[in-house]
């Protein structure tokens, strides 16, 4: 096959700034000469060949040894060599170079410019000032000029394989020049064309997933890679792409941004799908009941799937009427299909909140239907505070206030109980509007005033010590530690200024309220009673009339 001298693969695109004569002078030196001669001697690791010069040329023995270390030529055999230089007055020879040149000649002879435009691999085996020497899989030698290499750093090139394209064949020099830069330029051009076809387009395009990472996926669209961030995969929000896709999958995407400076192409899968929020904003209202599947359970609540790429949030407080729920998994698990009520929907903010407890019977309604004020119930103490304790009765909690825990005002729930204690108490108030109820322990016990009433009655004269003095009256401690009050107006003729805490004082019982644990005394009544007694002694009548008693109570 005839080959034109200096045939170029692309005459329009000349190889700029390349002086191939200067480059080849370094790679295929003019001093090298093809020759053939007979082996005259083999001595040590050298083979002496008669190449028609004044002295025999020297060929390294290793160049004619086979894999087993046996010589493939013997004395008298003719051998093709290349004269590469001289040493000590003798030509230096290379049989390998002669074989390589034969391969190059054969390649050039078979070279077809039209059919040889495809890239192929060469392994870089050496470099010089002008460029790099590489071999293809058949051992054919090629020259890669530095200006056509496309390498930014050529320090670690030798030994690596690169794709190249033939750009010039020189039959006279028996050389084939290749370019890696031409391939890189073609790839850049194709990328630029591909970018131009997708950037700014509103069309949905197909791509192939090349790599999946924790933050998203790289998708090949027409020869360029774009990133689908994990927040752009689903309308549900950020998802783990590895749970949905695998490398090699084909996906529909849409271009959402291109950073020209960083050359980053951003893609979106969800933008290529109909927006489900647009579909539900007019068809779903607060108060609607919908069927959902629990997709994820967290300590603070659960995410539920509506089945159309929309997730709603079920807060832990909306799972049960039980205020002491510790973990949603006590009531629901992933995969559960449940009915919930929509309690908030904001299509613009992509937010949907639902409630499970709204569809459950309200525990307080059940409590109110079962119990009434005055009923005695058993419950478990769930929380203790400074002002009392909360007691769980069935599924609801009532308050046991400190003042209702004991007739002793010094007693506090935190000093008397612990969480988990079971107590029996009386329901003293049910507030259906506020969904609250109050309990009392002391209502199940006889009050100190009640015990006092078993031994004393209104009109009896008692003595006690002044415990406290207030503007409205004097508190008196009676036997047994029972408190009684003498109102200011009941002190009678007593000099208030002369009274002091700890003084003994005598008075008549004016009033006993066993339920509210109140006892009132009266010094004035005592004085009237004594006056009455004196009159009775004088008149011989020891009884007070009904009118006297009524007047005394009215006072």
Protein backbone atom coordinates (compact mmCIF):
# COMPACT_ATOMS: atom_id res chain seq x y z
CA UNK A 1 0.00 0.00 0.00
CA UNK A 2 1.52 3.30 -1.10
CA UNK A 3 1.94 5.98 1.54
CA UNK A 4 2.35 9.65 0.80
CA UNK A 5 5.23 11.35 2.54
CA UNK A 6 4.11 13.44 5.48
CA UNK A 7 0.41 12.44 5.29
CA UNK A 8 -1.69 14.45 7.81
CA UNK A 9 -4.89 13.06 9.32
CA UNK A 10 -6.49 16.49 9.35
CA UNK A 11 -4.94 18.94 6.89
CA UNK A 12 -7.29 21.72 7.96
CA UNK A 13 -6.12 21.48 11.58
CA UNK A 14 -2.29 21.68 11.22
CA UNK A 15 -0.17 20.84 14.22
CA UNK A 16 0.65 24.28 15.43
CA UNK A 17 4.01 25.27 16.85
CA UNK A 18 5.55 21.85 16.30
CA UNK A 19 8.96 21.54 14.54
CA UNK A 20 8.90 17.78 13.97
CA UNK A 21 12.39 17.71 12.49
CA UNK A 22 13.80 19.16 15.69
CA UNK A 23 11.69 16.85 17.84
CA UNK A 24 12.52 13.73 15.91
CA UNK A 25 16.20 14.57 16.00
CA UNK A 26 15.99 13.78 19.70
CA UNK A 27 13.77 10.70 19.43
CA UNK A 28 14.86 9.07 16.15
CA UNK A 29 18.44 10.30 15.90
CA UNK A 30 19.96 10.94 12.44
CA UNK A 31 23.05 9.05 13.56
CA UNK A 32 21.08 5.80 13.74
CA UNK A 33 21.54 3.58 10.72
CA UNK A 34 19.78 0.41 9.68
CA UNK A 35 22.15 -2.45 8.94
CA UNK A 36 22.50 -6.21 8.69
CA UNK A 37 25.52 -8.38 9.33
CA UNK A 38 26.86 -11.77 10.36
CA UNK A 39 27.62 -12.74 13.93
CA UNK A 40 31.38 -13.37 14.15
CA UNK A 41 31.81 -13.91 17.87
CA UNK A 42 29.88 -14.22 21.14
CA UNK A 43 31.96 -13.34 24.14
CA UNK A 44 30.66 -12.75 27.68
CA UNK A 45 27.55 -10.60 27.48
CA UNK A 46 28.43 -9.14 24.08
CA UNK A 47 27.80 -10.27 20.49
CA UNK A 48 30.19 -9.09 17.76
CA UNK A 49 28.56 -8.44 14.38
CA UNK A 50 30.23 -7.62 11.06
CA UNK A 51 28.28 -4.60 9.78
CA UNK A 52 30.78 -3.58 7.07
CA UNK A 53 32.63 -1.08 9.21
CA UNK A 54 36.30 -0.99 10.11
CA UNK A 55 35.49 -2.83 13.32
CA UNK A 56 32.77 -5.25 14.31
CA UNK A 57 29.82 -3.73 16.06
CA UNK A 58 28.88 -4.69 19.62
CA UNK A 59 25.38 -5.99 20.39
CA UNK A 60 24.20 -6.71 23.99
CA UNK A 61 23.73 -10.49 24.35
CA UNK A 62 20.44 -10.00 26.28
CA UNK A 63 18.80 -8.71 23.11
CA UNK A 64 18.97 -12.14 21.44
CA UNK A 65 18.06 -14.31 24.45
CA UNK A 66 14.66 -16.01 24.72
CA UNK A 67 12.52 -16.35 27.85
CA UNK A 68 14.62 -19.32 29.00
CA UNK A 69 17.90 -17.46 28.58
CA UNK A 70 18.94 -19.30 25.39
CA UNK A 71 20.44 -17.41 22.44
CA UNK A 72 18.17 -17.24 19.41
CA UNK A 73 21.13 -16.63 17.06
CA UNK A 74 24.50 -18.37 16.65
CA UNK A 75 27.86 -17.51 15.13
CA UNK A 76 27.53 -17.15 11.37
CA UNK A 77 23.84 -16.14 11.45
CA UNK A 78 22.84 -12.89 9.79
CA UNK A 79 20.99 -10.47 12.08
CA UNK A 80 19.24 -7.15 11.51
CA UNK A 81 20.51 -4.34 13.73
CA UNK A 82 20.45 -0.56 14.10
CA UNK A 83 23.76 1.27 14.54
CA UNK A 84 22.97 3.55 17.50
CA UNK A 85 26.44 5.09 18.08
CA UNK A 86 29.96 4.04 18.91
CA UNK A 87 32.01 3.06 21.95
CA UNK A 88 35.83 2.60 21.97
CA UNK A 89 35.98 2.85 18.20
CA UNK A 90 33.38 0.12 17.70
CA UNK A 91 29.78 0.69 16.50
CA UNK A 92 27.09 0.05 19.15
CA UNK A 93 24.20 -2.02 17.87
CA UNK A 94 20.58 -2.80 18.81
CA UNK A 95 18.59 -5.73 17.53
CA UNK A 96 15.45 -4.65 19.41
CA UNK A 97 15.40 -1.30 17.70
CA UNK A 98 15.73 -3.04 14.36
CA UNK A 99 12.68 -5.17 15.22
CA UNK A 100 10.74 -2.09 16.35
CA UNK A 101 11.59 -0.30 13.12
CA UNK A 102 10.34 -3.31 11.19
CA UNK A 103 7.05 -3.06 13.09
CA UNK A 104 6.84 0.69 12.36
CA UNK A 105 7.53 0.02 8.66
CA UNK A 106 4.79 -2.60 8.62
CA UNK A 107 2.36 -0.22 10.39
CA UNK A 108 3.13 2.58 7.91
CA UNK A 109 2.76 0.23 4.98
CA UNK A 110 -0.71 -0.82 6.20
CA UNK A 111 -1.78 2.66 7.36
CA UNK A 112 -5.11 3.95 6.02
CA UNK A 113 -5.76 7.60 6.97
CA UNK A 114 -9.52 7.21 6.67
CA UNK A 115 -9.76 4.07 8.80
CA UNK A 116 -7.14 4.96 11.41
CA UNK A 117 -8.84 7.94 13.05
CA UNK A 118 -9.97 6.08 16.17
CA UNK A 119 -8.13 6.61 19.49
CA UNK A 120 -5.99 3.73 20.77
CA UNK A 121 -3.82 3.02 23.82
CA UNK A 122 -0.07 3.39 24.07
CA UNK A 123 2.16 2.76 27.05
CA UNK A 124 4.80 5.42 27.67
CA UNK A 125 8.20 3.68 27.82
CA UNK A 126 10.54 6.67 27.65
CA UNK A 127 10.83 10.42 27.36
CA UNK A 128 13.30 12.95 25.99
CA UNK A 129 13.56 16.67 25.51
CA UNK A 130 11.03 16.69 22.68
CA UNK A 131 8.39 14.38 24.06
CA UNK A 132 7.56 10.78 24.88
CA UNK A 133 8.06 7.38 23.27
CA UNK A 134 5.22 4.90 23.56
CA UNK A 135 4.35 1.38 22.42
CA UNK A 136 0.96 -0.01 21.44
CA UNK A 137 -0.20 -3.53 22.27
CA UNK A 138 1.70 -4.89 19.24
CA UNK A 139 4.99 -3.24 20.19
CA UNK A 140 4.79 -0.54 17.48
CA UNK A 141 6.68 2.60 18.54
CA UNK A 142 5.02 6.02 18.44
CA UNK A 143 6.25 9.49 19.25
CA UNK A 144 4.12 11.84 21.43
CA UNK A 145 5.45 15.44 21.30
CA UNK A 146 5.21 17.41 24.54
CA UNK A 147 3.03 20.00 22.88
CA UNK A 148 0.56 17.26 21.93
CA UNK A 149 0.66 15.38 25.24
CA UNK A 150 -1.75 17.49 27.29
CA UNK A 151 0.21 16.65 30.45
CA UNK A 152 0.37 19.30 33.15
CA UNK A 153 3.02 17.34 35.01
CA UNK A 154 5.20 14.87 33.11
CA UNK A 155 7.24 13.59 36.05
CA UNK A 156 5.30 10.36 36.55
CA UNK A 157 4.19 9.60 33.01
CA UNK A 158 6.54 6.73 32.13
CA UNK A 159 4.92 3.33 32.65
CA UNK A 160 1.34 4.58 32.31
CA UNK A 161 -1.10 4.02 29.46
CA UNK A 162 -2.95 6.80 27.62
CA UNK A 163 -5.31 7.10 24.68
CA UNK A 164 -3.87 8.86 21.64
CA UNK A 165 -4.72 9.56 18.02
CA UNK A 166 -2.40 9.46 14.96
CA UNK A 167 -1.81 12.95 13.59
CA UNK A 168 1.13 12.39 11.22
CA UNK A 169 2.92 9.51 9.47
CA UNK A 170 6.41 10.18 8.09
CA UNK A 171 7.53 7.44 5.68
CA UNK A 172 11.00 8.98 5.16
CA UNK A 173 11.75 9.10 8.88
CA UNK A 174 9.85 5.87 9.46
CA UNK A 175 7.97 7.50 12.34
CA UNK A 176 4.36 7.82 13.51
CA UNK A 177 3.44 10.90 15.52
CA UNK A 178 0.43 10.81 17.86
CA UNK A 179 -1.51 13.31 19.98
CA UNK A 180 -3.31 13.01 23.28
CA UNK A 181 -4.19 16.69 23.26
CA UNK A 182 -6.33 16.19 20.16
CA UNK A 183 -8.49 13.70 22.08
CA UNK A 184 -8.77 16.02 25.08
CA UNK A 185 -9.75 18.88 22.78
CA UNK A 186 -12.40 16.70 21.15
CA UNK A 187 -13.78 15.76 24.57
CA UNK A 188 -13.90 19.42 25.62
CA UNK A 189 -15.66 20.33 22.41
CA UNK A 190 -18.19 17.54 22.87
CA UNK A 191 -18.72 18.57 26.50
CA UNK A 192 -19.23 22.16 25.43
CA UNK A 193 -21.74 21.07 22.82
CA UNK A 194 -23.47 18.80 25.32
CA UNK A 195 -23.61 21.59 27.88
CA UNK A 196 -25.03 23.97 25.31
CA UNK A 197 -27.77 21.47 24.57
CA UNK A 198 -28.84 21.02 28.22
CA UNK A 199 -28.00 24.23 30.08
CA UNK A 200 -30.94 26.59 30.03
CA UNK A 201 -33.24 23.88 28.71
CA UNK A 202 -36.55 23.30 30.46
CA UNK A 203 -36.88 19.87 28.89
CA UNK A 204 -36.78 16.64 30.87
CA UNK A 205 -33.75 14.55 29.89
CA UNK A 206 -32.63 11.03 30.65
CA UNK A 207 -29.36 10.27 32.38
CA UNK A 208 -27.47 7.31 33.76
CA UNK A 209 -26.35 7.16 37.39
CA UNK A 210 -22.56 6.85 37.42
CA UNK A 211 -21.81 7.20 41.14
CA UNK A 212 -23.81 7.33 44.37
CA UNK A 213 -22.50 9.21 47.39
CA UNK A 214 -23.88 10.13 50.80
CA UNK A 215 -24.74 13.62 49.57
CA UNK A 216 -26.28 12.73 46.21
CA UNK A 217 -25.67 11.09 42.82
CA UNK A 218 -23.61 11.88 39.76
CA UNK A 219 -25.65 11.40 36.61
CA UNK A 220 -24.30 11.29 33.04
CA UNK A 221 -26.43 13.34 30.66
CA UNK A 222 -25.16 13.30 27.10
CA UNK A 223 -21.52 12.79 28.08
CA UNK A 224 -21.35 15.29 30.94
CA UNK A 225 -21.78 14.60 34.63
CA UNK A 226 -24.22 16.52 36.79
CA UNK A 227 -24.93 16.26 40.50
CA UNK A 228 -28.36 15.41 41.85
CA UNK A 229 -28.17 16.56 45.48
CA UNK A 230 -30.01 14.34 47.94
CA UNK A 231 -32.47 17.17 48.56
CA UNK A 232 -33.40 17.13 44.85
CA UNK A 233 -34.41 13.47 44.67
CA UNK A 234 -37.81 13.52 46.34
CA UNK A 235 -40.46 16.02 47.40
CA UNK A 236 -40.38 14.27 50.77
CA UNK A 237 -37.13 16.06 51.56
CA UNK A 238 -33.51 14.86 51.83
CA UNK A 239 -33.25 11.10 51.27
CA UNK A 240 -30.47 8.54 51.09
CA UNK A 241 -30.06 7.88 47.35
CA UNK A 242 -28.53 4.45 48.01
CA UNK A 243 -31.85 3.27 49.43
CA UNK A 244 -33.68 4.10 46.20
CA UNK A 245 -31.24 3.78 43.27
CA UNK A 246 -28.18 1.86 42.16
CA UNK A 247 -25.36 2.77 39.80
CA UNK A 248 -26.36 2.19 36.18
CA UNK A 249 -30.02 3.08 36.70
CA UNK A 250 -31.60 5.42 34.15
CA UNK A 251 -33.38 8.43 35.65
CA UNK A 252 -35.32 11.39 34.31
CA UNK A 253 -33.76 14.70 35.38
CA UNK A 254 -34.01 18.40 34.81
CA UNK A 255 -31.21 20.99 34.75
CA UNK A 256 -31.67 23.47 37.61
CA UNK A 257 -28.31 25.30 37.59
CA UNK A 258 -24.90 25.55 35.97
CA UNK A 259 -21.94 27.24 37.68
CA UNK A 260 -19.82 28.42 34.77
CA UNK A 261 -16.89 29.35 37.01
CA UNK A 262 -16.77 26.01 38.82
CA UNK A 263 -18.18 24.10 35.82
CA UNK A 264 -20.70 22.38 38.08
CA UNK A 265 -23.95 21.12 36.60
CA UNK A 266 -26.82 20.70 39.05
CA UNK A 267 -29.68 18.35 38.22
CA UNK A 268 -32.98 17.50 39.88
CA UNK A 269 -35.09 14.37 39.77
CA UNK A 270 -38.04 15.84 41.64
CA UNK A 271 -38.17 18.83 39.26
CA UNK A 272 -38.75 16.33 36.45
CA UNK A 273 -41.86 15.03 38.20
CA UNK A 274 -45.25 16.68 38.72
CA UNK A 275 -45.33 18.65 41.98
CA UNK A 276 -47.56 16.61 44.31
CA UNK A 277 -48.10 19.66 46.51
CA UNK A 278 -49.88 21.35 43.63
CA UNK A 279 -52.09 18.30 43.32
CA UNK A 280 -53.15 18.20 46.97
CA UNK A 281 -53.37 21.91 47.86
CA UNK A 282 -56.93 22.17 46.51
CA UNK A 283 -57.98 18.65 47.38
CA UNK A 284 -56.89 18.33 51.02
CA UNK A 285 -58.10 20.45 53.93
CA UNK A 286 -57.47 20.71 57.65
CA UNK A 287 -59.75 18.23 59.37
CA UNK A 288 -59.66 15.65 56.56
CA UNK A 289 -58.95 12.05 57.52
CA UNK A 290 -56.36 10.27 55.34
CA UNK A 291 -54.75 6.84 55.31
CA UNK A 292 -50.94 6.89 55.54
CA UNK A 293 -47.99 4.53 56.05
CA UNK A 294 -45.44 5.17 58.80
CA UNK A 295 -42.14 5.59 56.92
CA UNK A 296 -39.75 6.62 59.70
CA UNK A 297 -39.94 6.77 63.49
CA UNK A 298 -37.80 9.19 65.48
CA UNK A 299 -37.70 9.94 69.24
CA UNK A 300 -39.59 13.19 68.61
CA UNK A 301 -42.27 11.81 66.30
CA UNK A 302 -42.83 9.97 63.03
CA UNK A 303 -42.91 10.68 59.31
CA UNK A 304 -45.85 9.29 57.38
CA UNK A 305 -46.07 8.64 53.62
CA UNK A 306 -49.18 9.73 51.76
CA UNK A 307 -48.17 7.56 48.79
CA UNK A 308 -47.62 10.42 46.33
CA UNK A 309 -44.08 11.53 47.23
CA UNK A 310 -45.37 13.64 50.10
CA UNK A 311 -44.51 13.02 53.73
CA UNK A 312 -46.40 14.38 56.68
CA UNK A 313 -45.10 14.81 60.20
CA UNK A 314 -46.76 13.20 63.20
CA UNK A 315 -45.36 14.84 66.35
CA UNK A 316 -45.02 12.70 69.47
CA UNK A 317 -47.61 14.90 71.21
CA UNK A 318 -50.15 14.01 68.47
CA UNK A 319 -49.75 10.24 68.72
CA UNK A 320 -51.63 9.59 71.95
CA UNK A 321 -53.62 11.43 74.60
CA UNK A 322 -51.11 10.00 77.07
CA UNK A 323 -48.91 12.97 77.98
CA UNK A 324 -46.20 10.70 79.40
CA UNK A 325 -45.39 8.86 76.18
CA UNK A 326 -41.62 8.34 76.11
CA UNK A 327 -41.12 7.00 72.59
CA UNK A 328 -43.43 6.86 69.55
CA UNK A 329 -42.52 3.18 69.11
CA UNK A 330 -44.66 2.45 72.16
CA UNK A 331 -47.65 3.06 69.86
CA UNK A 332 -46.54 2.85 66.18
CA UNK A 333 -43.85 1.19 64.04
CA UNK A 334 -42.41 1.66 60.57
CA UNK A 335 -44.68 0.14 57.95
CA UNK A 336 -47.87 0.55 59.99
CA UNK A 337 -50.86 1.75 57.99
CA UNK A 338 -52.86 4.21 60.08
CA UNK A 339 -55.64 6.78 59.75
CA UNK A 340 -54.69 10.33 60.74
CA UNK A 341 -56.32 13.76 60.71
CA UNK A 342 -54.77 16.71 58.86
CA UNK A 343 -54.14 19.48 61.40
CA UNK A 344 -51.94 21.76 59.25
CA UNK A 345 -51.23 22.01 55.52
CA UNK A 346 -48.98 24.61 53.89
CA UNK A 347 -48.31 23.77 50.23
CA UNK A 348 -46.06 26.80 49.79
CA UNK A 349 -43.81 25.82 52.70
CA UNK A 350 -44.12 22.10 51.82
CA UNK A 351 -45.38 21.33 55.32
CA UNK A 352 -48.03 18.86 56.40
CA UNK A 353 -48.79 17.96 60.02
CA UNK A 354 -51.15 15.21 61.06
CA UNK A 355 -52.63 13.85 64.27
CA UNK A 356 -53.41 10.32 65.32
CA UNK A 357 -54.88 11.12 68.73
CA UNK A 358 -57.53 13.40 67.17
CA UNK A 359 -59.21 10.27 65.80
CA UNK A 360 -58.99 8.43 69.12
CA UNK A 361 -61.58 8.75 71.92
CA UNK A 362 -60.65 11.55 74.30
CA UNK A 363 -59.68 9.98 77.63
CA UNK A 364 -61.18 12.88 79.57
CA UNK A 365 -64.57 12.36 77.93
CA UNK A 366 -64.43 8.72 78.96
CA UNK A 367 -63.38 9.76 82.47
CA UNK A 368 -66.21 12.29 82.76
CA UNK A 369 -68.73 9.69 81.64
CA UNK A 370 -67.49 7.19 84.20
CA UNK A 371 -66.90 9.36 87.28
CA UNK A 372 -68.53 12.31 89.05
CA UNK A 373 -67.50 14.67 91.81
CA UNK A 374 -67.49 12.88 95.14
CA UNK A 375 -66.39 9.51 93.71
CA UNK A 376 -63.41 7.79 95.32
CA UNK A 377 -60.79 6.52 92.86
CA UNK A 378 -57.37 4.88 92.88
CA UNK A 379 -54.49 6.24 90.84
CA UNK A 380 -50.74 6.24 90.35
CA UNK A 381 -48.59 9.27 91.11
CA UNK A 382 -46.79 10.21 87.85
CA UNK A 383 -45.29 13.60 88.67
CA UNK A 384 -44.44 15.46 91.88
CA UNK A 385 -44.09 19.26 91.93
CA UNK A 386 -43.64 21.97 94.55
CA UNK A 387 -47.38 22.61 94.56
CA UNK A 388 -48.60 19.02 94.64
CA UNK A 389 -48.69 15.78 92.67
CA UNK A 390 -50.32 14.53 89.47
CA UNK A 391 -52.21 11.28 89.80
CA UNK A 392 -53.08 9.15 86.79
CA UNK A 393 -56.56 7.67 86.90
CA UNK A 394 -57.13 5.48 83.86
CA UNK A 395 -55.72 7.48 80.92
CA UNK A 396 -56.01 10.96 82.45
CA UNK A 397 -54.20 12.84 85.18
CA UNK A 398 -55.68 14.84 88.04
CA UNK A 399 -54.04 17.24 90.47
CA UNK A 400 -53.62 16.48 94.14
CA UNK A 401 -52.76 19.91 95.55
CA UNK A 402 -50.66 20.17 98.69
CA UNK A 403 -53.54 21.72 100.60
CA UNK A 404 -55.73 18.72 99.70
CA UNK A 405 -53.17 16.10 100.62
CA UNK A 406 -53.53 16.44 104.38
CA UNK A 407 -55.35 18.44 107.06
CA UNK A 408 -51.88 19.33 108.30
CA UNK A 409 -50.94 22.43 106.35
CA UNK A 410 -47.23 21.74 106.82
CA UNK A 411 -47.45 18.50 104.83
CA UNK A 412 -46.18 18.63 101.21
CA UNK A 413 -46.68 15.95 98.57
CA UNK A 414 -42.98 15.90 97.73
CA UNK A 415 -42.23 14.92 101.34
CA UNK A 416 -44.94 12.28 101.59
CA UNK A 417 -45.00 10.50 98.22
CA UNK A 418 -42.82 9.30 95.37
CA UNK A 419 -43.52 8.67 91.69
CA UNK A 420 -45.20 5.28 91.27
CA UNK A 421 -47.07 5.34 94.59
CA UNK A 422 -50.70 4.20 94.43
CA UNK A 423 -53.12 6.43 96.30
CA UNK A 424 -56.86 6.46 96.95
CA UNK A 425 -58.44 9.90 96.69
CA UNK A 426 -61.75 11.67 96.32
CA UNK A 427 -62.71 13.60 93.20
CA UNK A 428 -63.53 17.10 94.47
CA UNK A 429 -63.81 18.93 91.15
CA UNK A 430 -64.24 18.08 87.45
CA UNK A 431 -63.70 20.92 84.94
CA UNK A 432 -64.93 19.58 81.59
CA UNK A 433 -64.18 22.83 79.79
CA UNK A 434 -60.52 22.85 80.80
CA UNK A 435 -60.31 19.03 80.76
CA UNK A 436 -59.03 18.97 84.36
CA UNK A 437 -60.00 17.37 87.64
CA UNK A 438 -58.85 17.75 91.25
CA UNK A 439 -58.38 15.13 93.94
CA UNK A 440 -58.28 15.17 97.72
CA UNK A 441 -56.88 12.81 100.28
CA UNK A 442 -57.92 14.79 103.32
CA UNK A 443 -61.58 14.55 102.29
CA UNK A 444 -61.34 10.83 103.05
CA UNK A 445 -60.08 11.58 106.57
CA UNK A 446 -61.86 13.13 109.51
CA UNK A 447 -60.77 16.71 109.95
CA UNK A 448 -59.17 17.86 113.20
CA UNK A 449 -62.25 20.04 113.65
CA UNK A 450 -64.41 16.93 113.33
CA UNK A 451 -62.41 15.11 115.98
CA UNK A 452 -62.67 18.21 118.16
CA UNK A 453 -66.45 18.28 117.70
CA UNK A 454 -66.70 14.81 119.22
CA UNK A 455 -65.65 16.22 122.59
CA UNK A 456 -66.77 19.85 122.39
CA UNK A 457 -69.81 21.78 121.24
CA UNK A 458 -70.73 25.38 120.52
CA UNK A 459 -70.83 27.32 123.77
CA UNK A 460 -68.21 25.26 125.56
CA UNK A 461 -65.49 27.29 127.24
CA UNK A 462 -61.90 26.39 126.21
CA UNK A 463 -58.41 27.68 126.92
CA UNK A 464 -55.49 27.93 124.51
CA UNK A 465 -52.29 29.79 123.69
CA UNK A 466 -52.07 32.66 121.23
CA UNK A 467 -50.15 31.34 118.17
CA UNK A 468 -50.36 34.35 115.88
CA UNK A 469 -51.87 37.83 115.81
CA UNK A 470 -53.27 39.30 112.58
CA UNK A 471 -55.14 42.47 111.71
CA UNK A 472 -58.37 40.53 111.40
CA UNK A 473 -57.99 38.47 114.57
CA UNK A 474 -56.01 36.12 116.78
CA UNK A 475 -55.08 32.46 116.07
CA UNK A 476 -55.25 30.26 119.14
CA UNK A 477 -53.74 26.78 119.49
CA UNK A 478 -56.00 24.48 121.52
CA UNK A 479 -55.13 21.18 123.12
CA UNK A 480 -54.09 18.61 120.51
CA UNK A 481 -52.54 21.27 118.26
CA UNK A 482 -55.88 22.37 116.80
CA UNK A 483 -56.11 25.93 115.49
CA UNK A 484 -59.03 28.23 116.25
CA UNK A 485 -59.68 31.86 115.30
CA UNK A 486 -60.96 34.71 117.42
CA UNK A 487 -62.09 37.42 115.04
CA UNK A 488 -61.25 41.00 115.99
CA UNK A 489 -64.87 41.84 116.66
CA UNK A 490 -65.15 38.81 118.97
CA UNK A 491 -62.38 39.99 121.30
CA UNK A 492 -64.96 42.03 123.16
CA UNK A 493 -63.54 44.30 125.85
CA UNK A 494 -60.06 42.70 125.58
CA UNK A 495 -57.24 45.20 125.09
CA UNK A 496 -55.74 44.12 121.75
CA UNK A 497 -52.49 45.93 122.43
CA UNK A 498 -51.93 43.86 125.53
CA UNK A 499 -52.11 40.56 123.66
CA UNK A 500 -48.93 38.80 122.68
CA UNK A 501 -47.95 35.42 121.17
CA UNK A 502 -47.70 32.73 123.84
CA UNK A 503 -50.27 34.26 126.18
CA UNK A 504 -53.03 32.06 127.51
CA UNK A 505 -56.52 33.08 126.51
CA UNK A 506 -59.99 31.82 127.39
CA UNK A 507 -63.01 31.97 125.08
CA UNK A 508 -66.28 30.26 124.22
CA UNK A 509 -66.71 28.10 121.12
CA UNK A 510 -68.76 30.11 118.62
CA UNK A 511 -68.64 27.96 115.48
CA UNK A 512 -67.38 24.51 114.32
CA UNK A 513 -67.13 23.64 110.57
CA UNK A 514 -65.97 20.01 110.35
CA UNK A 515 -65.80 19.94 106.54
CA UNK A 516 -63.66 23.05 106.17
CA UNK A 517 -61.80 22.31 109.42
CA UNK A 518 -62.62 25.67 111.00
CA UNK A 519 -63.21 26.54 114.65
CA UNK A 520 -64.14 30.03 115.82
CA UNK A 521 -63.91 31.25 119.37
CA UNK A 522 -65.39 34.35 120.96
CA UNK A 523 -64.24 36.25 124.09
CA UNK A 524 -67.30 38.44 123.78
CA UNK A 525 -69.56 35.39 123.84
CA UNK A 526 -67.72 34.11 126.88
CA UNK A 527 -68.43 37.39 128.67
CA UNK A 528 -72.12 37.26 127.70
CA UNK A 529 -72.35 33.65 128.84
CA UNK A 530 -70.83 34.57 132.17
CA UNK A 531 -73.24 37.48 132.50
CA UNK A 532 -76.10 35.12 131.71
CA UNK A 533 -74.90 32.63 134.29
CA UNK A 534 -74.73 35.41 136.90
CA UNK A 535 -78.28 36.51 136.05
CA UNK A 536 -79.49 32.93 136.15
CA UNK A 537 -78.04 32.49 139.59
CA UNK A 538 -79.80 35.63 140.70
CA UNK A 539 -83.06 34.74 138.94
CA UNK A 540 -82.80 31.00 139.51
CA UNK A 541 -83.00 30.33 135.79
CA UNK A 542 -80.00 28.55 134.28
CA UNK A 543 -81.24 28.38 130.74
CA UNK A 544 -80.70 30.78 127.85
CA UNK A 545 -83.79 31.51 125.83
CA UNK A 546 -84.03 30.67 122.12
CA UNK A 547 -84.04 34.39 121.37
CA UNK A 548 -80.74 34.80 123.22
CA UNK A 549 -79.12 32.04 121.20
CA UNK A 550 -80.34 33.49 117.86
CA UNK A 551 -79.07 36.93 118.79
CA UNK A 552 -75.71 35.48 119.76
CA UNK A 553 -75.35 33.67 116.40
CA UNK A 554 -76.36 36.78 114.47
CA UNK A 555 -73.67 38.76 116.22
